[in-house]
């Protein structure tokens, strides 16, 4: 589930980075969470499929905007075993790198979600090259609520869209690295 969408109504549109990258440093402009989340999710889909996993996407572009309940319903209707929502955190000052990095959120109603989050967070952080901020219980997040009784569910906050993470994510290879980290967490979880 690539989080957010550029045309969302009554939903958060997604974070926008702080650095306005010049045309001489492609991609130019400010990084957008919804665009990066789709890129990471499409890379993840390719890695999962090439390793024999069946994947159902909630969307495949940054313009589509299924509601939060629709996203969970898509996962429930496909009888998914795991639901992963891909996000990037909004900009924030990160003195000495504090408050930046990867975190994975989960609903405490399922112990399997905590296990997946713990297996995934280090894999993402080390693959992308950002701090590991650990896991956190977020029982109130809408996208995790409808999925809690049917499947293991997490939200992967890959990085923060402010320096130093933003500069890492600006590299076009970062989406593939993030996807490989998420895949490693999923694969470890399913093969434990």
Protein backbone atom coordinates (compact mmCIF):
# COMPACT_ATOMS: atom_id res chain seq x y z
CA UNK A 1 0.00 0.00 0.00
CA UNK A 2 1.78 3.16 -1.17
CA UNK A 3 0.58 5.79 1.27
CA UNK A 4 -1.25 9.01 0.43
CA UNK A 5 -1.96 10.37 -3.07
CA UNK A 6 -1.73 13.70 -4.83
CA UNK A 7 -5.48 13.99 -5.44
CA UNK A 8 -6.74 12.92 -2.02
CA UNK A 9 -9.87 14.62 -0.74
CA UNK A 10 -10.47 14.52 3.01
CA UNK A 11 -7.12 12.76 3.48
CA UNK A 12 -3.57 13.90 4.05
CA UNK A 13 -1.84 14.45 0.72
CA UNK A 14 1.60 13.36 1.92
CA UNK A 15 4.79 15.04 3.01
CA UNK A 16 6.89 17.28 0.79
CA UNK A 17 10.63 17.59 1.32
CA UNK A 18 12.36 20.83 2.27
CA UNK A 19 15.16 20.88 -0.31
CA UNK A 20 14.43 22.24 -3.78
CA UNK A 21 16.89 20.20 -5.85
CA UNK A 22 18.16 21.93 -9.03
CA UNK A 23 17.66 20.51 -12.51
CA UNK A 24 21.38 19.69 -12.53
CA UNK A 25 20.71 17.20 -9.73
CA UNK A 26 17.85 15.02 -10.96
CA UNK A 27 15.17 14.49 -10.00
CA UNK A 28 14.66 18.27 -9.75
CA UNK A 29 12.33 19.96 -7.28
CA UNK A 30 11.15 18.89 -3.85
CA UNK A 31 10.70 15.23 -3.00
CA UNK A 32 7.09 14.12 -2.59
CA UNK A 33 6.08 11.32 -0.24
CA UNK A 34 3.34 9.99 -2.51
CA UNK A 35 5.67 9.72 -5.52
CA UNK A 36 8.45 8.06 -3.48
CA UNK A 37 6.02 5.68 -1.76
CA UNK A 38 4.69 4.46 -5.12
CA UNK A 39 8.22 4.01 -6.45
CA UNK A 40 9.24 1.99 -3.39
CA UNK A 41 6.05 -0.09 -3.53
CA UNK A 42 6.48 -0.89 -7.24
CA UNK A 43 10.09 -1.93 -6.60
CA UNK A 44 8.90 -4.05 -3.67
CA UNK A 45 6.21 -5.67 -5.80
CA UNK A 46 8.83 -6.67 -8.39
CA UNK A 47 11.15 -8.15 -5.75
CA UNK A 48 8.34 -10.07 -4.04
CA UNK A 49 6.96 -11.47 -7.31
CA UNK A 50 10.44 -12.51 -8.48
CA UNK A 51 10.79 -14.43 -5.22
CA UNK A 52 7.51 -16.28 -5.67
CA UNK A 53 5.19 -14.17 -3.52
CA UNK A 54 1.70 -13.11 -4.60
CA UNK A 55 1.21 -9.35 -4.30
CA UNK A 56 -1.92 -7.21 -4.29
CA UNK A 57 -1.38 -3.47 -4.62
CA UNK A 58 -3.87 -0.91 -3.29
CA UNK A 59 -2.72 1.48 -6.04
CA UNK A 60 0.11 1.76 -8.58
CA UNK A 61 0.36 5.51 -9.19
CA UNK A 62 0.67 8.67 -7.11
CA UNK A 63 -2.61 10.16 -8.36
CA UNK A 64 -5.02 7.44 -7.22
CA UNK A 65 -6.43 7.91 -3.78
CA UNK A 66 -8.37 5.00 -2.33
CA UNK A 67 -9.77 5.80 1.11
CA UNK A 68 -8.06 4.32 4.12
CA UNK A 69 -10.94 1.88 4.58
CA UNK A 70 -10.78 0.90 0.89
CA UNK A 71 -7.05 0.16 1.20
CA UNK A 72 -7.70 -2.21 4.09
CA UNK A 73 -10.68 -3.75 2.29
CA UNK A 74 -8.51 -4.48 -0.76
CA UNK A 75 -6.09 -6.34 1.51
CA UNK A 76 -8.90 -8.18 3.30
CA UNK A 77 -10.65 -9.14 0.03
CA UNK A 78 -7.42 -10.54 -1.41
CA UNK A 79 -6.95 -12.69 1.72
CA UNK A 80 -3.52 -11.18 2.28
CA UNK A 81 -1.30 -12.57 5.01
CA UNK A 82 0.60 -9.30 5.38
CA UNK A 83 -0.33 -5.65 4.85
CA UNK A 84 2.54 -3.16 4.43
CA UNK A 85 1.81 0.53 4.00
CA UNK A 86 4.82 2.46 2.65
CA UNK A 87 5.35 6.02 3.87
CA UNK A 88 7.99 8.69 4.46
CA UNK A 89 7.91 11.01 7.45
CA UNK A 90 7.23 14.74 7.14
CA UNK A 91 10.17 17.15 7.41
CA UNK A 92 11.49 17.95 10.86
CA UNK A 93 14.77 19.31 12.12
CA UNK A 94 17.15 16.44 12.75
CA UNK A 95 20.04 17.78 14.83
CA UNK A 96 22.90 15.30 14.60
CA UNK A 97 20.51 12.92 12.83
CA UNK A 98 18.08 12.63 15.77
CA UNK A 99 14.42 12.27 14.73
CA UNK A 100 15.45 11.12 11.26
CA UNK A 101 15.63 7.55 10.02
CA UNK A 102 13.41 4.52 9.60
CA UNK A 103 10.60 3.51 11.93
CA UNK A 104 7.97 0.81 11.56
CA UNK A 105 4.56 1.23 13.20
CA UNK A 106 2.16 -1.52 14.20
CA UNK A 107 -1.09 -2.21 16.01
CA UNK A 108 -0.55 -3.96 19.34
CA UNK A 109 -3.67 -6.13 18.87
CA UNK A 110 -1.56 -8.61 16.89
CA UNK A 111 1.76 -9.84 18.26
CA UNK A 112 2.69 -10.93 14.73
CA UNK A 113 2.60 -7.27 13.64
CA UNK A 114 5.15 -6.41 16.33
CA UNK A 115 7.38 -9.26 15.14
CA UNK A 116 7.19 -8.13 11.51
CA UNK A 117 7.93 -4.53 12.51
CA UNK A 118 10.98 -5.61 14.51
CA UNK A 119 12.30 -7.76 11.66
CA UNK A 120 11.68 -5.05 9.08
CA UNK A 121 12.97 -1.85 10.68
CA UNK A 122 16.67 -2.74 10.78
CA UNK A 123 16.57 -4.17 7.26
CA UNK A 124 15.13 -0.95 5.84
CA UNK A 125 17.47 1.34 7.78
CA UNK A 126 20.60 -0.61 6.87
CA UNK A 127 19.63 -1.00 3.20
CA UNK A 128 18.73 2.67 2.76
CA UNK A 129 21.57 3.97 4.92
CA UNK A 130 19.62 5.96 7.52
CA UNK A 131 19.20 5.75 11.29
CA UNK A 132 17.11 2.98 12.83
CA UNK A 133 14.47 4.71 14.96
CA UNK A 134 12.90 1.42 15.97
CA UNK A 135 9.29 0.32 16.16
CA UNK A 136 6.29 1.99 17.72
CA UNK A 137 2.76 0.99 18.70
CA UNK A 138 0.21 3.14 16.86
CA UNK A 139 -3.15 1.57 17.64
CA UNK A 140 -5.08 4.64 16.50
CA UNK A 141 -3.88 4.68 12.89
CA UNK A 142 -6.88 4.05 10.66
CA UNK A 143 -5.12 1.95 8.03
CA UNK A 144 -4.01 -0.55 10.68
CA UNK A 145 -7.38 -0.88 12.43
CA UNK A 146 -9.41 -2.75 9.78
CA UNK A 147 -6.56 -5.11 9.06
CA UNK A 148 -5.69 -6.03 12.62
CA UNK A 149 -7.99 -9.02 12.93
CA UNK A 150 -7.33 -10.52 9.52
CA UNK A 151 -3.62 -10.10 8.90
CA UNK A 152 -0.28 -8.92 10.14
CA UNK A 153 -0.06 -5.18 9.37
CA UNK A 154 2.63 -2.51 9.58
CA UNK A 155 3.38 0.97 8.33
CA UNK A 156 6.97 1.37 7.15
CA UNK A 157 8.15 4.97 7.57
CA UNK A 158 11.22 4.55 5.35
CA UNK A 159 12.93 7.89 6.08
CA UNK A 160 12.23 11.54 6.85
CA UNK A 161 11.93 14.12 4.06
CA UNK A 162 14.46 16.48 5.61
CA UNK A 163 18.28 16.36 5.73
CA UNK A 164 20.13 14.08 6.18
CA UNK A 165 17.53 11.46 5.11
CA UNK A 166 16.20 13.61 2.28
CA UNK A 167 19.59 13.63 0.55
CA UNK A 168 19.73 9.84 0.77
CA UNK A 169 16.20 9.49 -0.63
CA UNK A 170 17.00 11.92 -3.47
CA UNK A 171 19.28 9.26 -4.96
CA UNK A 172 17.18 7.33 -7.52
CA UNK A 173 18.56 4.02 -6.20
CA UNK A 174 17.04 4.63 -2.77
CA UNK A 175 13.60 3.29 -3.78
CA UNK A 176 15.12 -0.05 -4.72
CA UNK A 177 17.18 -0.14 -1.54
CA UNK A 178 14.10 0.58 0.57
CA UNK A 179 12.15 -2.12 -1.29
CA UNK A 180 14.93 -4.63 -0.66
CA UNK A 181 14.88 -3.78 3.04
CA UNK A 182 11.11 -4.21 3.28
CA UNK A 183 11.37 -7.46 1.34
CA UNK A 184 14.08 -8.77 3.68
CA UNK A 185 11.83 -8.10 6.67
CA UNK A 186 8.83 -9.80 5.04
CA UNK A 187 10.90 -12.77 3.91
CA UNK A 188 12.47 -13.22 7.36
CA UNK A 189 9.02 -13.01 8.96
CA UNK A 190 7.45 -15.59 6.64
CA UNK A 191 10.39 -17.97 6.94
CA UNK A 192 10.89 -17.88 10.73
